[in-house]
Amino acid sequence: MTDLDQIDLTILGELQHDANLTNVELAARVNLSPSPCLIRVRLLERAGLIRKRVTLLDARRLGLNVNVFIPISLEKQTRSALESFERSVLALPQVMECYLMSGDSDYLIRVVVPDVQALEHFIIDKLTRLDGVASIRSSFALKQVKYQTALPLPEPAPKSQGRRG
């Protein structure tokens, strides 16, 4: 990880909460003038700490009311089987997240669809047709208690104090 100071961490925090901030607004929030603020943002981007900026949409207002977690087990856990499954999942827009897991299932995916009929169609017409899938289970999210996209940022490293004497 890159050495981040308090200003870098504040910049990252502010941008996580509102990526629409102008450089002037961001600079004011982190107590810098605009030019040094922009330089720091560009350095954070080049270092890969800021990957991209996105707009978060409201799934429910778009009619995507069903949030489902689906553990999936594969017939084989060979590198080629895993890679094939991952390529296939990347092409499915309903899949919001996909994780290679330890434990009982090989993968856990989170799917968002409008309704139960759409989920049935997705499972029957998409998931069961993927090569190497051995089993599929699903659990509906009844209520979203917490959802955040902002990562917890580390505390800045303390500055070493010089000897006083």
N, C-alpha and C. Protein backbone atom coordinates (compact mmCIF):
# COMPACT_ATOMS: atom_id res chain seq x y z
N MET A 1 0.85 -1.19 0.00
CA MET A 1 0.00 0.00 0.00
C MET A 1 0.88 1.24 0.00
N THR A 2 0.45 2.23 -0.69
CA THR A 2 1.14 3.50 -0.76
C THR A 2 1.04 4.22 0.58
N ASP A 3 2.09 4.94 0.96
CA ASP A 3 2.03 5.74 2.18
C ASP A 3 1.06 6.89 1.97
N LEU A 4 0.03 6.91 2.77
CA LEU A 4 -0.99 7.95 2.65
C LEU A 4 -0.94 8.84 3.88
N ASP A 5 -0.99 10.14 3.64
CA ASP A 5 -1.07 11.05 4.78
C ASP A 5 -2.53 11.43 5.02
N GLN A 6 -2.74 12.26 6.02
CA GLN A 6 -4.11 12.63 6.39
C GLN A 6 -4.84 13.32 5.24
N ILE A 7 -4.15 14.13 4.47
CA ILE A 7 -4.80 14.83 3.35
C ILE A 7 -5.24 13.82 2.29
N ASP A 8 -4.36 12.87 1.96
CA ASP A 8 -4.74 11.82 0.98
C ASP A 8 -5.96 11.06 1.45
N LEU A 9 -5.96 10.66 2.73
CA LEU A 9 -7.09 9.91 3.27
C LEU A 9 -8.37 10.74 3.27
N THR A 10 -8.24 12.03 3.54
CA THR A 10 -9.42 12.91 3.52
C THR A 10 -9.94 13.05 2.09
N ILE A 11 -9.04 13.19 1.14
CA ILE A 11 -9.44 13.27 -0.27
C ILE A 11 -10.19 11.99 -0.66
N LEU A 12 -9.63 10.83 -0.32
CA LEU A 12 -10.29 9.56 -0.65
C LEU A 12 -11.65 9.46 0.01
N GLY A 13 -11.74 9.84 1.25
CA GLY A 13 -13.02 9.79 1.96
C GLY A 13 -14.06 10.70 1.33
N GLU A 14 -13.67 11.91 1.01
CA GLU A 14 -14.61 12.86 0.40
C GLU A 14 -15.08 12.36 -0.97
N LEU A 15 -14.16 11.84 -1.76
CA LEU A 15 -14.55 11.35 -3.09
C LEU A 15 -15.40 10.08 -3.02
N GLN A 16 -15.17 9.26 -1.99
CA GLN A 16 -16.03 8.08 -1.83
C GLN A 16 -17.46 8.49 -1.53
N HIS A 17 -17.63 9.56 -0.81
CA HIS A 17 -18.98 9.99 -0.43
C HIS A 17 -19.64 10.85 -1.50
N ASP A 18 -18.85 11.53 -2.33
CA ASP A 18 -19.43 12.35 -3.39
C ASP A 18 -18.40 12.54 -4.50
N ALA A 19 -18.47 11.69 -5.50
CA ALA A 19 -17.53 11.76 -6.62
C ALA A 19 -17.84 12.92 -7.56
N ASN A 20 -18.96 13.60 -7.33
CA ASN A 20 -19.32 14.75 -8.17
C ASN A 20 -18.69 16.06 -7.70
N LEU A 21 -17.94 16.01 -6.61
CA LEU A 21 -17.31 17.23 -6.13
C LEU A 21 -16.39 17.80 -7.21
N THR A 22 -16.48 19.11 -7.38
CA THR A 22 -15.51 19.74 -8.27
C THR A 22 -14.18 19.80 -7.55
N ASN A 23 -13.12 20.02 -8.28
CA ASN A 23 -11.80 20.12 -7.65
C ASN A 23 -11.77 21.28 -6.66
N VAL A 24 -12.43 22.38 -6.98
CA VAL A 24 -12.47 23.53 -6.08
C VAL A 24 -13.19 23.17 -4.78
N GLU A 25 -14.33 22.46 -4.89
CA GLU A 25 -15.06 22.03 -3.68
C GLU A 25 -14.22 21.06 -2.86
N LEU A 26 -13.59 20.11 -3.54
CA LEU A 26 -12.76 19.13 -2.84
C LEU A 26 -11.59 19.82 -2.14
N ALA A 27 -10.94 20.74 -2.84
CA ALA A 27 -9.81 21.45 -2.27
C ALA A 27 -10.22 22.19 -1.00
N ALA A 28 -11.39 22.81 -1.02
CA ALA A 28 -11.87 23.53 0.17
C ALA A 28 -12.12 22.56 1.32
N ARG A 29 -12.65 21.39 1.03
CA ARG A 29 -12.95 20.42 2.09
C ARG A 29 -11.69 19.83 2.73
N VAL A 30 -10.60 19.78 1.97
CA VAL A 30 -9.36 19.19 2.50
C VAL A 30 -8.32 20.26 2.85
N ASN A 31 -8.72 21.50 2.78
CA ASN A 31 -7.86 22.63 3.15
C ASN A 31 -6.59 22.73 2.30
N LEU A 32 -6.79 22.60 0.98
CA LEU A 32 -5.70 22.81 0.03
C LEU A 32 -6.16 23.83 -1.00
N SER A 33 -5.23 24.39 -1.72
CA SER A 33 -5.63 25.18 -2.88
C SER A 33 -5.90 24.20 -4.02
N PRO A 34 -6.67 24.63 -5.03
CA PRO A 34 -7.09 23.70 -6.08
C PRO A 34 -5.96 22.98 -6.82
N SER A 35 -4.88 23.68 -7.14
CA SER A 35 -3.82 23.05 -7.92
C SER A 35 -3.15 21.88 -7.18
N PRO A 36 -2.69 22.06 -5.94
CA PRO A 36 -2.12 20.92 -5.22
C PRO A 36 -3.14 19.80 -4.97
N CYS A 37 -4.40 20.16 -4.81
CA CYS A 37 -5.44 19.15 -4.61
C CYS A 37 -5.56 18.28 -5.87
N LEU A 38 -5.60 18.92 -7.03
CA LEU A 38 -5.71 18.18 -8.28
C LEU A 38 -4.49 17.29 -8.49
N ILE A 39 -3.33 17.78 -8.15
CA ILE A 39 -2.10 16.96 -8.28
C ILE A 39 -2.22 15.72 -7.41
N ARG A 40 -2.69 15.88 -6.18
CA ARG A 40 -2.83 14.73 -5.29
C ARG A 40 -3.85 13.73 -5.83
N VAL A 41 -4.98 14.23 -6.35
CA VAL A 41 -5.99 13.33 -6.91
C VAL A 41 -5.40 12.54 -8.08
N ARG A 42 -4.67 13.22 -8.94
CA ARG A 42 -4.06 12.53 -10.09
C ARG A 42 -3.05 11.48 -9.63
N LEU A 43 -2.27 11.80 -8.58
CA LEU A 43 -1.32 10.81 -8.05
C LEU A 43 -2.05 9.61 -7.45
N LEU A 44 -3.16 9.85 -6.77
CA LEU A 44 -3.96 8.75 -6.21
C LEU A 44 -4.55 7.89 -7.33
N GLU A 45 -4.93 8.53 -8.43
CA GLU A 45 -5.44 7.77 -9.58
C GLU A 45 -4.32 6.93 -10.20
N ARG A 46 -3.15 7.54 -10.41
CA ARG A 46 -2.02 6.81 -11.01
C ARG A 46 -1.56 5.65 -10.13
N ALA A 47 -1.68 5.82 -8.82
CA ALA A 47 -1.29 4.76 -7.89
C ALA A 47 -2.33 3.64 -7.84
N GLY A 48 -3.47 3.83 -8.49
CA GLY A 48 -4.51 2.81 -8.51
C GLY A 48 -5.44 2.83 -7.31
N LEU A 49 -5.28 3.83 -6.45
CA LEU A 49 -6.17 3.92 -5.28
C LEU A 49 -7.56 4.40 -5.68
N ILE A 50 -7.63 5.24 -6.70
CA ILE A 50 -8.92 5.65 -7.28
C ILE A 50 -8.99 4.93 -8.62
N ARG A 51 -9.86 3.91 -8.68
CA ARG A 51 -9.97 3.13 -9.92
C ARG A 51 -10.85 3.81 -10.94
N LYS A 52 -12.03 4.25 -10.51
CA LYS A 52 -12.95 4.96 -11.40
C LYS A 52 -14.03 5.60 -10.57
N ARG A 53 -14.78 6.47 -11.19
CA ARG A 53 -15.88 7.14 -10.50
C ARG A 53 -17.17 6.71 -11.18
N VAL A 54 -18.17 6.39 -10.37
CA VAL A 54 -19.42 5.88 -10.91
C VAL A 54 -20.61 6.61 -10.30
N THR A 55 -21.76 6.42 -10.91
CA THR A 55 -23.02 6.92 -10.37
C THR A 55 -23.78 5.73 -9.83
N LEU A 56 -24.19 5.80 -8.57
CA LEU A 56 -24.96 4.72 -7.97
C LEU A 56 -26.45 4.96 -8.21
N LEU A 57 -27.11 3.97 -8.75
CA LEU A 57 -28.53 4.07 -9.05
C LEU A 57 -29.36 3.40 -7.96
N ASP A 58 -30.61 3.79 -7.85
CA ASP A 58 -31.53 3.19 -6.88
C ASP A 58 -32.22 2.01 -7.55
N ALA A 59 -31.85 0.79 -7.14
CA ALA A 59 -32.38 -0.43 -7.76
C ALA A 59 -33.90 -0.49 -7.68
N ARG A 60 -34.45 -0.16 -6.53
CA ARG A 60 -35.91 -0.26 -6.37
C ARG A 60 -36.65 0.70 -7.30
N ARG A 61 -36.14 1.90 -7.45
CA ARG A 61 -36.79 2.87 -8.35
C ARG A 61 -36.70 2.43 -9.81
N LEU A 62 -35.75 1.56 -10.09
CA LEU A 62 -35.63 1.01 -11.44
C LEU A 62 -36.42 -0.29 -11.59
N GLY A 63 -37.15 -0.68 -10.53
CA GLY A 63 -37.96 -1.89 -10.59
C GLY A 63 -37.20 -3.16 -10.29
N LEU A 64 -35.97 -3.04 -9.81
CA LEU A 64 -35.17 -4.22 -9.47
C LEU A 64 -35.35 -4.49 -7.98
N ASN A 65 -36.44 -5.16 -7.66
CA ASN A 65 -36.90 -5.31 -6.28
C ASN A 65 -36.40 -6.55 -5.56
N VAL A 66 -35.83 -7.50 -6.29
CA VAL A 66 -35.44 -8.77 -5.69
C VAL A 66 -33.91 -8.89 -5.71
N ASN A 67 -33.35 -8.99 -4.51
CA ASN A 67 -31.92 -9.12 -4.31
C ASN A 67 -31.68 -10.54 -3.79
N VAL A 68 -30.91 -11.33 -4.53
CA VAL A 68 -30.77 -12.75 -4.22
C VAL A 68 -29.29 -13.13 -4.13
N PHE A 69 -28.98 -13.92 -3.11
CA PHE A 69 -27.64 -14.46 -2.95
C PHE A 69 -27.69 -15.92 -3.37
N ILE A 70 -26.80 -16.31 -4.29
CA ILE A 70 -26.84 -17.64 -4.87
C ILE A 70 -25.48 -18.33 -4.73
N PRO A 71 -25.38 -19.31 -3.81
CA PRO A 71 -24.16 -20.12 -3.76
C PRO A 71 -24.20 -21.13 -4.91
N ILE A 72 -23.07 -21.28 -5.58
CA ILE A 72 -22.98 -22.18 -6.73
C ILE A 72 -21.79 -23.12 -6.54
N SER A 73 -22.04 -24.40 -6.77
CA SER A 73 -20.96 -25.39 -6.74
C SER A 73 -20.73 -25.90 -8.15
N LEU A 74 -19.48 -26.10 -8.48
CA LEU A 74 -19.12 -26.61 -9.80
C LEU A 74 -18.84 -28.11 -9.72
N GLU A 75 -18.96 -28.77 -10.87
CA GLU A 75 -18.67 -30.20 -10.94
C GLU A 75 -17.19 -30.48 -10.67
N LYS A 76 -16.32 -29.60 -11.22
CA LYS A 76 -14.87 -29.73 -11.03
C LYS A 76 -14.32 -28.36 -10.62
N GLN A 77 -13.24 -28.40 -9.86
CA GLN A 77 -12.62 -27.15 -9.44
C GLN A 77 -11.26 -26.97 -10.11
N THR A 78 -11.17 -27.35 -11.38
CA THR A 78 -9.93 -27.16 -12.12
C THR A 78 -9.82 -25.70 -12.54
N ARG A 79 -8.61 -25.29 -12.83
CA ARG A 79 -8.39 -23.90 -13.26
C ARG A 79 -9.25 -23.56 -14.47
N SER A 80 -9.32 -24.45 -15.44
CA SER A 80 -10.09 -24.16 -16.65
C SER A 80 -11.59 -24.08 -16.34
N ALA A 81 -12.08 -24.92 -15.43
CA ALA A 81 -13.50 -24.87 -15.06
C ALA A 81 -13.82 -23.56 -14.34
N LEU A 82 -12.94 -23.14 -13.45
CA LEU A 82 -13.14 -21.88 -12.73
C LEU A 82 -13.10 -20.70 -13.69
N GLU A 83 -12.13 -20.69 -14.57
CA GLU A 83 -12.01 -19.59 -15.53
C GLU A 83 -13.21 -19.53 -16.47
N SER A 84 -13.69 -20.67 -16.90
CA SER A 84 -14.86 -20.72 -17.78
C SER A 84 -16.09 -20.17 -17.07
N PHE A 85 -16.29 -20.59 -15.82
CA PHE A 85 -17.43 -20.08 -15.06
C PHE A 85 -17.32 -18.57 -14.88
N GLU A 86 -16.16 -18.09 -14.51
CA GLU A 86 -15.97 -16.66 -14.28
C GLU A 86 -16.22 -15.84 -15.54
N ARG A 87 -15.75 -16.32 -16.68
CA ARG A 87 -16.01 -15.62 -17.95
C ARG A 87 -17.51 -15.55 -18.22
N SER A 88 -18.21 -16.64 -17.98
CA SER A 88 -19.66 -16.68 -18.22
C SER A 88 -20.41 -15.72 -17.31
N VAL A 89 -20.02 -15.69 -16.04
CA VAL A 89 -20.70 -14.82 -15.08
C VAL A 89 -20.48 -13.35 -15.40
N LEU A 90 -19.29 -13.03 -15.89
CA LEU A 90 -19.01 -11.63 -16.24
C LEU A 90 -19.95 -11.11 -17.33
N ALA A 91 -20.49 -12.00 -18.12
CA ALA A 91 -21.38 -11.61 -19.21
C ALA A 91 -22.84 -11.47 -18.79
N LEU A 92 -23.16 -11.76 -17.53
CA LEU A 92 -24.55 -11.70 -17.06
C LEU A 92 -24.79 -10.40 -16.30
N PRO A 93 -25.53 -9.46 -16.86
CA PRO A 93 -25.72 -8.16 -16.22
C PRO A 93 -26.50 -8.21 -14.91
N GLN A 94 -27.27 -9.27 -14.69
CA GLN A 94 -28.02 -9.40 -13.43
C GLN A 94 -27.10 -9.70 -12.24
N VAL A 95 -25.90 -10.21 -12.52
CA VAL A 95 -24.96 -10.55 -11.46
C VAL A 95 -24.22 -9.28 -11.05
N MET A 96 -24.47 -8.86 -9.83
CA MET A 96 -23.87 -7.63 -9.32
C MET A 96 -22.51 -7.89 -8.67
N GLU A 97 -22.36 -9.06 -8.07
CA GLU A 97 -21.11 -9.42 -7.41
C GLU A 97 -20.90 -10.92 -7.59
N CYS A 98 -19.64 -11.32 -7.62
CA CYS A 98 -19.30 -12.74 -7.72
C CYS A 98 -18.00 -12.95 -6.96
N TYR A 99 -18.02 -13.94 -6.06
CA TYR A 99 -16.87 -14.23 -5.23
C TYR A 99 -16.52 -15.71 -5.32
N LEU A 100 -15.24 -16.02 -5.50
CA LEU A 100 -14.74 -17.38 -5.35
C LEU A 100 -14.65 -17.62 -3.85
N MET A 101 -15.24 -18.71 -3.38
CA MET A 101 -15.41 -18.92 -1.94
C MET A 101 -14.62 -20.12 -1.44
N SER A 102 -14.38 -20.13 -0.15
CA SER A 102 -13.96 -21.34 0.53
C SER A 102 -15.23 -21.89 1.18
N GLY A 103 -15.20 -23.14 1.61
CA GLY A 103 -16.37 -23.69 2.28
C GLY A 103 -17.22 -24.55 1.39
N ASP A 104 -18.53 -24.52 1.63
CA ASP A 104 -19.46 -25.46 0.99
C ASP A 104 -19.68 -25.21 -0.50
N SER A 105 -19.62 -23.97 -0.94
CA SER A 105 -19.85 -23.69 -2.36
C SER A 105 -18.58 -23.10 -2.97
N ASP A 106 -18.51 -23.16 -4.30
CA ASP A 106 -17.34 -22.62 -4.99
C ASP A 106 -17.46 -21.12 -5.21
N TYR A 107 -18.66 -20.66 -5.52
CA TYR A 107 -18.89 -19.25 -5.79
C TYR A 107 -20.13 -18.76 -5.04
N LEU A 108 -20.13 -17.48 -4.75
CA LEU A 108 -21.32 -16.81 -4.24
C LEU A 108 -21.55 -15.62 -5.14
N ILE A 109 -22.76 -15.57 -5.72
CA ILE A 109 -23.10 -14.42 -6.56
C ILE A 109 -24.28 -13.69 -5.93
N ARG A 110 -24.33 -12.39 -6.20
CA ARG A 110 -25.49 -11.58 -5.81
C ARG A 110 -26.14 -11.12 -7.10
N VAL A 111 -27.43 -11.40 -7.19
CA VAL A 111 -28.20 -11.13 -8.40
C VAL A 111 -29.32 -10.15 -8.05
N VAL A 112 -29.57 -9.21 -8.96
CA VAL A 112 -30.69 -8.29 -8.79
C VAL A 112 -31.61 -8.45 -10.00
N VAL A 113 -32.90 -8.70 -9.71
CA VAL A 113 -33.91 -8.89 -10.76
C VAL A 113 -35.20 -8.20 -10.33
N PRO A 114 -36.13 -7.98 -11.26
CA PRO A 114 -37.37 -7.29 -10.92
C PRO A 114 -38.30 -8.08 -10.00
N ASP A 115 -38.39 -9.41 -10.22
CA ASP A 115 -39.38 -10.19 -9.48
C ASP A 115 -38.98 -11.66 -9.48
N VAL A 116 -39.79 -12.48 -8.81
CA VAL A 116 -39.49 -13.90 -8.69
C VAL A 116 -39.52 -14.59 -10.05
N GLN A 117 -40.42 -14.18 -10.93
CA GLN A 117 -40.47 -14.79 -12.26
C GLN A 117 -39.18 -14.52 -13.04
N ALA A 118 -38.64 -13.32 -12.89
CA ALA A 118 -37.38 -12.99 -13.56
C ALA A 118 -36.24 -13.81 -12.96
N LEU A 119 -36.28 -14.05 -11.66
CA LEU A 119 -35.27 -14.89 -11.03
C LEU A 119 -35.37 -16.31 -11.56
N GLU A 120 -36.58 -16.84 -11.66
CA GLU A 120 -36.78 -18.18 -12.21
C GLU A 120 -36.20 -18.27 -13.62
N HIS A 121 -36.50 -17.28 -14.45
CA HIS A 121 -35.98 -17.24 -15.83
C HIS A 121 -34.44 -17.20 -15.80
N PHE A 122 -33.88 -16.37 -14.93
CA PHE A 122 -32.43 -16.23 -14.84
C PHE A 122 -31.79 -17.56 -14.45
N ILE A 123 -32.34 -18.22 -13.45
CA ILE A 123 -31.75 -19.48 -12.98
C ILE A 123 -31.89 -20.57 -14.04
N ILE A 124 -33.09 -20.73 -14.60
CA ILE A 124 -33.34 -21.81 -15.56
C ILE A 124 -32.65 -21.55 -16.90
N ASP A 125 -32.77 -20.33 -17.40
CA ASP A 125 -32.26 -20.04 -18.74
C ASP A 125 -30.81 -19.58 -18.78
N LYS A 126 -30.28 -19.17 -17.67
CA LYS A 126 -28.89 -18.68 -17.67
C LYS A 126 -27.97 -19.56 -16.83
N LEU A 127 -28.21 -19.61 -15.52
CA LEU A 127 -27.28 -20.29 -14.62
C LEU A 127 -27.18 -21.79 -14.89
N THR A 128 -28.31 -22.45 -15.03
CA THR A 128 -28.25 -23.91 -15.23
C THR A 128 -27.63 -24.29 -16.56
N ARG A 129 -27.52 -23.36 -17.47
CA ARG A 129 -26.93 -23.65 -18.78
C ARG A 129 -25.43 -23.40 -18.83
N LEU A 130 -24.88 -22.87 -17.74
CA LEU A 130 -23.43 -22.66 -17.71
C LEU A 130 -22.72 -23.99 -17.56
N ASP A 131 -21.67 -24.19 -18.34
CA ASP A 131 -20.89 -25.43 -18.27
C ASP A 131 -20.33 -25.65 -16.88
N GLY A 132 -20.46 -26.87 -16.39
CA GLY A 132 -19.80 -27.27 -15.16
C GLY A 132 -20.53 -26.95 -13.87
N VAL A 133 -21.73 -26.36 -13.94
CA VAL A 133 -22.47 -26.04 -12.72
C VAL A 133 -23.09 -27.32 -12.17
N ALA A 134 -22.78 -27.65 -10.90
CA ALA A 134 -23.31 -28.86 -10.28
C ALA A 134 -24.54 -28.56 -9.43
N SER A 135 -24.51 -27.46 -8.68
CA SER A 135 -25.67 -27.14 -7.84
C SER A 135 -25.81 -25.63 -7.65
N ILE A 136 -27.07 -25.23 -7.50
CA ILE A 136 -27.43 -23.83 -7.32
C ILE A 136 -28.44 -23.77 -6.18
N ARG A 137 -28.19 -22.90 -5.23
CA ARG A 137 -29.16 -22.62 -4.17
C ARG A 137 -29.39 -21.11 -4.18
N SER A 138 -30.46 -20.67 -3.59
CA SER A 138 -30.68 -19.22 -3.55
C SER A 138 -31.34 -18.81 -2.24
N SER A 139 -31.00 -17.61 -1.81
CA SER A 139 -31.60 -17.02 -0.62
C SER A 139 -31.97 -15.58 -0.94
N PHE A 140 -33.22 -15.25 -0.67
CA PHE A 140 -33.71 -13.90 -0.92
C PHE A 140 -33.32 -12.98 0.23
N ALA A 141 -32.90 -11.79 -0.10
CA ALA A 141 -32.70 -10.77 0.93
C ALA A 141 -34.08 -10.18 1.23
N LEU A 142 -34.53 -10.28 2.47
CA LEU A 142 -35.83 -9.75 2.85
C LEU A 142 -35.77 -8.24 3.08
N LYS A 143 -34.64 -7.78 3.59
CA LYS A 143 -34.49 -6.36 3.89
C LYS A 143 -33.00 -6.02 3.82
N GLN A 144 -32.70 -4.90 3.22
CA GLN A 144 -31.32 -4.43 3.19
C GLN A 144 -31.09 -3.55 4.41
N VAL A 145 -30.31 -4.04 5.34
CA VAL A 145 -30.06 -3.33 6.58
C VAL A 145 -28.94 -2.32 6.39
N LYS A 146 -27.90 -2.71 5.66
CA LYS A 146 -26.79 -1.80 5.41
C LYS A 146 -26.25 -2.06 4.02
N TYR A 147 -25.98 -1.00 3.31
CA TYR A 147 -25.33 -1.09 2.01
C TYR A 147 -24.45 0.13 1.88
N GLN A 148 -23.19 -0.09 1.67
CA GLN A 148 -22.32 1.05 1.45
C GLN A 148 -21.28 0.69 0.42
N THR A 149 -20.81 1.68 -0.26
CA THR A 149 -19.76 1.47 -1.23
C THR A 149 -18.45 2.07 -0.75
N ALA A 150 -18.50 2.93 0.25
CA ALA A 150 -17.29 3.56 0.78
C ALA A 150 -16.52 2.56 1.63
N LEU A 151 -15.25 2.38 1.32
CA LEU A 151 -14.39 1.48 2.08
C LEU A 151 -13.94 2.14 3.38
N PRO A 152 -13.73 1.35 4.42
CA PRO A 152 -13.17 1.93 5.65
C PRO A 152 -11.70 2.29 5.38
N LEU A 153 -11.36 3.52 5.60
CA LEU A 153 -10.00 3.99 5.32
C LEU A 153 -9.12 3.79 6.55
N PRO A 154 -7.84 3.47 6.31
CA PRO A 154 -6.93 3.28 7.43
C PRO A 154 -6.60 4.60 8.12
N GLU A 155 -6.13 4.48 9.32
CA GLU A 155 -5.63 5.65 10.03
C GLU A 155 -4.29 6.03 9.41
N PRO A 156 -3.99 7.32 9.32
CA PRO A 156 -2.69 7.70 8.77
C PRO A 156 -1.57 7.25 9.72
N ALA A 157 -0.43 6.92 9.14
CA ALA A 157 0.72 6.51 9.95
C ALA A 157 1.18 7.71 10.77
N PRO A 158 1.49 7.48 12.05
CA PRO A 158 1.95 8.61 12.87
C PRO A 158 3.30 9.09 12.38
N LYS A 159 3.47 10.41 12.41
CA LYS A 159 4.75 10.99 12.01
C LYS A 159 5.73 10.79 13.16
N SER A 160 6.94 10.42 12.80
CA SER A 160 7.94 10.20 13.85
C SER A 160 8.34 11.55 14.44
N GLN A 161 8.47 11.58 15.72
CA GLN A 161 8.84 12.79 16.43
C GLN A 161 10.35 12.83 16.58
N GLY A 162 10.94 13.95 16.28
CA GLY A 162 12.39 14.13 16.46
C GLY A 162 12.70 14.23 17.95
N ARG A 163 13.93 13.94 18.27
CA ARG A 163 14.35 14.03 19.68
C ARG A 163 14.42 15.50 20.10
N ARG A 164 14.01 15.70 21.30
CA ARG A 164 14.11 17.05 21.87
C ARG A 164 15.19 17.00 22.94
N GLY A 165 15.98 17.96 22.99
CA GLY A 165 17.01 17.85 23.99
C GLY A 165 17.62 19.08 24.39
